[in-house]
Amino acid sequence: MKLLLDENLSRRLVPFLQSAFPGSTQVALIGLERADDRAIWQYAREHDFVIVTKDADYYDLSLLLGSPPDVVWLQVGNADKAIVLNKLLANQQMIESGFAKGLACIEILE
């Protein structure tokens, strides 16, 4: 499973995610830094990414449009990069099994 980090998440996380989520990237690294949510949604759908965000917008899109792509919604406030990284890595198995069971959005709380 490869993750596409929204612009509200640091691109500096990408190298630290590669062992658990190979092929992951961040929107700015693929030229979508100023793209609207639907453009990012479409890119994720076409390239088999799971969107990771702190915004409710992608949750709303998942309700409206269904999946793919799937969404990981991090509800961690202004947490620093280390906390975000730890949340993703600590919840890897739960994320993978949730999507395997057909969930379209997985919320990770503080």
N, C-alpha and C. Protein backbone atom coordinates (compact mmCIF):
# COMPACT_ATOMS: atom_id res chain seq x y z
N MET A 1 0.84 -1.17 0.00
CA MET A 1 0.00 0.00 0.00
C MET A 1 0.89 1.23 0.00
N LYS A 2 0.59 2.15 -0.91
CA LYS A 2 1.37 3.39 -0.97
C LYS A 2 0.48 4.57 -0.59
N LEU A 3 1.07 5.46 0.17
CA LEU A 3 0.35 6.61 0.71
C LEU A 3 0.66 7.86 -0.09
N LEU A 4 -0.34 8.71 -0.24
CA LEU A 4 -0.18 10.03 -0.83
C LEU A 4 -0.51 11.03 0.26
N LEU A 5 0.52 11.68 0.79
CA LEU A 5 0.34 12.64 1.87
C LEU A 5 -0.18 13.95 1.30
N ASP A 6 -1.22 14.47 1.92
CA ASP A 6 -1.80 15.75 1.54
C ASP A 6 -0.79 16.86 1.85
N GLU A 7 -1.05 18.05 1.30
CA GLU A 7 -0.11 19.15 1.49
C GLU A 7 -0.01 19.60 2.94
N ASN A 8 -0.95 19.23 3.79
CA ASN A 8 -0.88 19.60 5.20
C ASN A 8 0.04 18.67 6.00
N LEU A 9 0.67 17.73 5.33
CA LEU A 9 1.63 16.82 5.95
C LEU A 9 2.99 17.00 5.28
N SER A 10 4.02 16.98 6.07
CA SER A 10 5.36 17.28 5.59
C SER A 10 5.88 16.25 4.59
N ARG A 11 6.50 16.77 3.54
CA ARG A 11 7.16 15.88 2.56
C ARG A 11 8.36 15.19 3.17
N ARG A 12 8.85 15.70 4.28
CA ARG A 12 10.00 15.08 4.95
C ARG A 12 9.66 13.74 5.59
N LEU A 13 8.39 13.41 5.68
CA LEU A 13 7.96 12.12 6.22
C LEU A 13 8.18 10.99 5.21
N VAL A 14 8.19 11.32 3.95
CA VAL A 14 8.20 10.31 2.88
C VAL A 14 9.33 9.29 3.01
N PRO A 15 10.58 9.69 3.20
CA PRO A 15 11.63 8.66 3.30
C PRO A 15 11.43 7.70 4.47
N PHE A 16 10.83 8.17 5.55
CA PHE A 16 10.64 7.35 6.74
C PHE A 16 9.46 6.38 6.61
N LEU A 17 8.65 6.58 5.60
CA LEU A 17 7.49 5.71 5.37
C LEU A 17 7.78 4.58 4.39
N GLN A 18 8.89 4.66 3.68
CA GLN A 18 9.14 3.74 2.57
C GLN A 18 9.23 2.27 2.98
N SER A 19 9.75 1.97 4.15
CA SER A 19 9.85 0.55 4.52
C SER A 19 8.47 -0.05 4.81
N ALA A 20 7.60 0.72 5.42
CA ALA A 20 6.26 0.22 5.75
C ALA A 20 5.28 0.42 4.60
N PHE A 21 5.43 1.53 3.87
CA PHE A 21 4.51 1.88 2.79
C PHE A 21 5.32 2.26 1.54
N PRO A 22 5.93 1.26 0.87
CA PRO A 22 6.78 1.54 -0.29
C PRO A 22 6.02 2.27 -1.40
N GLY A 23 6.71 3.25 -2.00
CA GLY A 23 6.11 4.00 -3.10
C GLY A 23 5.33 5.22 -2.65
N SER A 24 5.30 5.47 -1.35
CA SER A 24 4.57 6.62 -0.83
C SER A 24 5.23 7.93 -1.24
N THR A 25 4.42 8.99 -1.31
CA THR A 25 4.92 10.30 -1.68
C THR A 25 4.03 11.38 -1.06
N GLN A 26 4.30 12.61 -1.40
CA GLN A 26 3.54 13.75 -0.91
C GLN A 26 3.16 14.60 -2.11
N VAL A 27 2.02 15.29 -2.04
CA VAL A 27 1.48 15.97 -3.22
C VAL A 27 2.47 16.95 -3.86
N ALA A 28 3.23 17.67 -3.07
CA ALA A 28 4.18 18.63 -3.63
C ALA A 28 5.28 17.93 -4.44
N LEU A 29 5.62 16.72 -4.05
CA LEU A 29 6.69 15.98 -4.73
C LEU A 29 6.27 15.48 -6.11
N ILE A 30 4.96 15.49 -6.38
CA ILE A 30 4.48 15.04 -7.69
C ILE A 30 3.81 16.18 -8.45
N GLY A 31 4.06 17.41 -8.03
CA GLY A 31 3.56 18.57 -8.76
C GLY A 31 2.11 18.94 -8.50
N LEU A 32 1.54 18.46 -7.39
CA LEU A 32 0.14 18.76 -7.09
C LEU A 32 -0.01 19.66 -5.85
N GLU A 33 1.01 20.42 -5.55
CA GLU A 33 1.01 21.22 -4.32
C GLU A 33 -0.17 22.18 -4.25
N ARG A 34 -0.54 22.80 -5.34
CA ARG A 34 -1.63 23.77 -5.32
C ARG A 34 -2.92 23.24 -5.99
N ALA A 35 -2.95 21.93 -6.20
CA ALA A 35 -4.11 21.32 -6.84
C ALA A 35 -5.29 21.27 -5.88
N ASP A 36 -6.49 21.29 -6.43
CA ASP A 36 -7.66 21.19 -5.57
C ASP A 36 -7.88 19.73 -5.16
N ASP A 37 -8.76 19.55 -4.18
CA ASP A 37 -8.96 18.22 -3.61
C ASP A 37 -9.40 17.18 -4.64
N ARG A 38 -10.25 17.60 -5.56
CA ARG A 38 -10.73 16.63 -6.57
C ARG A 38 -9.61 16.18 -7.52
N ALA A 39 -8.70 17.09 -7.84
CA ALA A 39 -7.56 16.71 -8.70
C ALA A 39 -6.66 15.71 -7.97
N ILE A 40 -6.44 15.95 -6.70
CA ILE A 40 -5.63 15.02 -5.90
C ILE A 40 -6.36 13.68 -5.76
N TRP A 41 -7.66 13.74 -5.55
CA TRP A 41 -8.49 12.53 -5.46
C TRP A 41 -8.36 11.70 -6.75
N GLN A 42 -8.48 12.37 -7.87
CA GLN A 42 -8.38 11.68 -9.16
C GLN A 42 -7.00 11.08 -9.37
N TYR A 43 -5.96 11.82 -9.02
CA TYR A 43 -4.60 11.31 -9.15
C TYR A 43 -4.43 10.05 -8.29
N ALA A 44 -4.90 10.13 -7.05
CA ALA A 44 -4.79 8.97 -6.15
C ALA A 44 -5.54 7.77 -6.71
N ARG A 45 -6.70 8.01 -7.25
CA ARG A 45 -7.50 6.93 -7.85
C ARG A 45 -6.76 6.30 -9.02
N GLU A 46 -6.23 7.13 -9.91
CA GLU A 46 -5.57 6.62 -11.12
C GLU A 46 -4.25 5.92 -10.82
N HIS A 47 -3.59 6.28 -9.71
CA HIS A 47 -2.26 5.74 -9.42
C HIS A 47 -2.24 4.84 -8.18
N ASP A 48 -3.42 4.43 -7.73
CA ASP A 48 -3.54 3.45 -6.65
C ASP A 48 -2.88 3.90 -5.34
N PHE A 49 -3.16 5.14 -4.94
CA PHE A 49 -2.67 5.66 -3.67
C PHE A 49 -3.80 5.69 -2.64
N VAL A 50 -3.42 5.64 -1.38
CA VAL A 50 -4.31 5.94 -0.26
C VAL A 50 -3.97 7.36 0.16
N ILE A 51 -4.96 8.23 0.26
CA ILE A 51 -4.73 9.61 0.66
C ILE A 51 -4.64 9.69 2.17
N VAL A 52 -3.62 10.38 2.66
CA VAL A 52 -3.46 10.63 4.09
C VAL A 52 -3.57 12.13 4.30
N THR A 53 -4.47 12.54 5.19
CA THR A 53 -4.75 13.96 5.39
C THR A 53 -5.15 14.26 6.82
N LYS A 54 -5.09 15.54 7.15
CA LYS A 54 -5.63 16.02 8.43
C LYS A 54 -6.99 16.70 8.21
N ASP A 55 -7.41 16.83 6.96
CA ASP A 55 -8.63 17.55 6.62
C ASP A 55 -9.84 16.63 6.49
N ALA A 56 -11.00 17.14 6.87
CA ALA A 56 -12.24 16.40 6.71
C ALA A 56 -12.70 16.36 5.26
N ASP A 57 -12.12 17.20 4.40
CA ASP A 57 -12.56 17.29 3.01
C ASP A 57 -12.52 15.94 2.30
N TYR A 58 -11.47 15.17 2.53
CA TYR A 58 -11.34 13.88 1.84
C TYR A 58 -12.29 12.85 2.43
N TYR A 59 -12.59 12.96 3.70
CA TYR A 59 -13.63 12.11 4.29
C TYR A 59 -14.96 12.38 3.59
N ASP A 60 -15.27 13.67 3.43
CA ASP A 60 -16.50 14.06 2.73
C ASP A 60 -16.52 13.52 1.30
N LEU A 61 -15.39 13.62 0.61
CA LEU A 61 -15.32 13.08 -0.76
C LEU A 61 -15.51 11.57 -0.78
N SER A 62 -14.99 10.90 0.24
CA SER A 62 -15.16 9.44 0.27
C SER A 62 -16.63 9.07 0.44
N LEU A 63 -17.37 9.88 1.20
CA LEU A 63 -18.82 9.64 1.33
C LEU A 63 -19.55 9.93 0.03
N LEU A 64 -19.12 10.97 -0.65
CA LEU A 64 -19.77 11.39 -1.89
C LEU A 64 -19.43 10.50 -3.08
N LEU A 65 -18.14 10.18 -3.22
CA LEU A 65 -17.67 9.48 -4.42
C LEU A 65 -17.34 8.00 -4.20
N GLY A 66 -17.25 7.58 -2.97
CA GLY A 66 -16.85 6.20 -2.68
C GLY A 66 -15.36 6.01 -2.92
N SER A 67 -14.94 4.77 -2.87
CA SER A 67 -13.53 4.50 -3.09
C SER A 67 -13.37 3.62 -4.33
N PRO A 68 -12.22 3.54 -4.93
CA PRO A 68 -10.98 4.17 -4.52
C PRO A 68 -10.97 5.66 -4.81
N PRO A 69 -10.05 6.40 -4.26
CA PRO A 69 -9.03 5.97 -3.31
C PRO A 69 -9.59 5.86 -1.90
N ASP A 70 -8.88 5.14 -1.07
CA ASP A 70 -9.20 5.09 0.34
C ASP A 70 -8.53 6.28 1.01
N VAL A 71 -8.97 6.58 2.24
CA VAL A 71 -8.49 7.76 2.95
C VAL A 71 -8.11 7.39 4.38
N VAL A 72 -6.96 7.89 4.82
CA VAL A 72 -6.58 7.86 6.23
C VAL A 72 -6.70 9.29 6.72
N TRP A 73 -7.61 9.49 7.66
CA TRP A 73 -7.87 10.82 8.20
C TRP A 73 -7.23 10.91 9.57
N LEU A 74 -6.13 11.66 9.64
CA LEU A 74 -5.39 11.85 10.90
C LEU A 74 -6.02 13.01 11.67
N GLN A 75 -6.63 12.70 12.77
CA GLN A 75 -7.21 13.74 13.62
C GLN A 75 -6.27 13.97 14.79
N VAL A 76 -5.15 14.61 14.47
CA VAL A 76 -4.08 14.79 15.45
C VAL A 76 -3.72 16.25 15.67
N GLY A 77 -4.57 17.16 15.22
CA GLY A 77 -4.31 18.58 15.42
C GLY A 77 -3.01 19.02 14.77
N ASN A 78 -2.30 19.88 15.44
CA ASN A 78 -1.03 20.41 14.93
C ASN A 78 0.16 19.57 15.38
N ALA A 79 0.01 18.29 15.38
CA ALA A 79 1.07 17.39 15.81
C ALA A 79 2.29 17.54 14.92
N ASP A 80 3.46 17.38 15.52
CA ASP A 80 4.69 17.49 14.73
C ASP A 80 4.91 16.22 13.90
N LYS A 81 5.92 16.28 13.05
CA LYS A 81 6.19 15.19 12.10
C LYS A 81 6.41 13.84 12.80
N ALA A 82 7.10 13.86 13.93
CA ALA A 82 7.40 12.61 14.63
C ALA A 82 6.12 11.93 15.10
N ILE A 83 5.18 12.70 15.59
CA ILE A 83 3.91 12.12 16.06
C ILE A 83 3.13 11.56 14.88
N VAL A 84 3.07 12.30 13.78
CA VAL A 84 2.37 11.82 12.59
C VAL A 84 3.00 10.52 12.09
N LEU A 85 4.31 10.50 11.99
CA LEU A 85 5.01 9.29 11.55
C LEU A 85 4.71 8.12 12.47
N ASN A 86 4.80 8.34 13.76
CA ASN A 86 4.54 7.26 14.72
C ASN A 86 3.10 6.76 14.63
N LYS A 87 2.15 7.66 14.42
CA LYS A 87 0.74 7.24 14.27
C LYS A 87 0.57 6.35 13.04
N LEU A 88 1.16 6.73 11.94
CA LEU A 88 1.03 5.93 10.72
C LEU A 88 1.71 4.57 10.86
N LEU A 89 2.91 4.55 11.40
CA LEU A 89 3.63 3.29 11.54
C LEU A 89 2.99 2.38 12.58
N ALA A 90 2.56 2.94 13.70
CA ALA A 90 1.95 2.15 14.76
C ALA A 90 0.60 1.57 14.34
N ASN A 91 -0.05 2.21 13.39
CA ASN A 91 -1.38 1.77 12.94
C ASN A 91 -1.35 1.09 11.58
N GLN A 92 -0.18 0.73 11.08
CA GLN A 92 -0.07 0.13 9.76
C GLN A 92 -0.97 -1.09 9.59
N GLN A 93 -0.91 -2.01 10.53
CA GLN A 93 -1.71 -3.24 10.41
C GLN A 93 -3.20 -2.92 10.45
N MET A 94 -3.61 -2.01 11.31
CA MET A 94 -5.02 -1.64 11.40
C MET A 94 -5.48 -0.97 10.10
N ILE A 95 -4.64 -0.13 9.52
CA ILE A 95 -4.97 0.53 8.26
C ILE A 95 -5.14 -0.51 7.15
N GLU A 96 -4.19 -1.39 7.03
CA GLU A 96 -4.24 -2.40 5.97
C GLU A 96 -5.43 -3.34 6.14
N SER A 97 -5.68 -3.78 7.36
CA SER A 97 -6.80 -4.71 7.57
C SER A 97 -8.14 -3.99 7.40
N GLY A 98 -8.22 -2.73 7.79
CA GLY A 98 -9.45 -1.96 7.62
C GLY A 98 -9.82 -1.81 6.15
N PHE A 99 -8.85 -1.47 5.34
CA PHE A 99 -9.12 -1.33 3.91
C PHE A 99 -9.40 -2.68 3.27
N ALA A 100 -8.74 -3.73 3.74
CA ALA A 100 -9.01 -5.08 3.22
C ALA A 100 -10.44 -5.51 3.52
N LYS A 101 -11.00 -4.98 4.62
CA LYS A 101 -12.39 -5.30 5.00
C LYS A 101 -13.40 -4.41 4.28
N GLY A 102 -12.92 -3.47 3.47
CA GLY A 102 -13.83 -2.66 2.68
C GLY A 102 -14.09 -1.27 3.21
N LEU A 103 -13.42 -0.86 4.28
CA LEU A 103 -13.59 0.51 4.75
C LEU A 103 -13.03 1.48 3.72
N ALA A 104 -13.66 2.64 3.56
CA ALA A 104 -13.19 3.64 2.61
C ALA A 104 -12.40 4.74 3.31
N CYS A 105 -12.63 4.91 4.62
CA CYS A 105 -11.93 5.95 5.37
C CYS A 105 -11.62 5.40 6.77
N ILE A 106 -10.39 5.56 7.17
CA ILE A 106 -9.96 5.15 8.51
C ILE A 106 -9.52 6.40 9.25
N GLU A 107 -10.12 6.60 10.41
CA GLU A 107 -9.78 7.75 11.24
C GLU A 107 -8.78 7.32 12.31
N ILE A 108 -7.73 8.11 12.44
CA ILE A 108 -6.75 7.87 13.50
C ILE A 108 -6.80 9.10 14.40
N LEU A 109 -7.12 8.86 15.65
CA LEU A 109 -7.31 9.93 16.61
C LEU A 109 -6.05 10.18 17.43
N GLU A 110 -6.03 11.31 18.09
CA GLU A 110 -4.88 11.67 18.95
C GLU A 110 -4.63 10.65 20.01
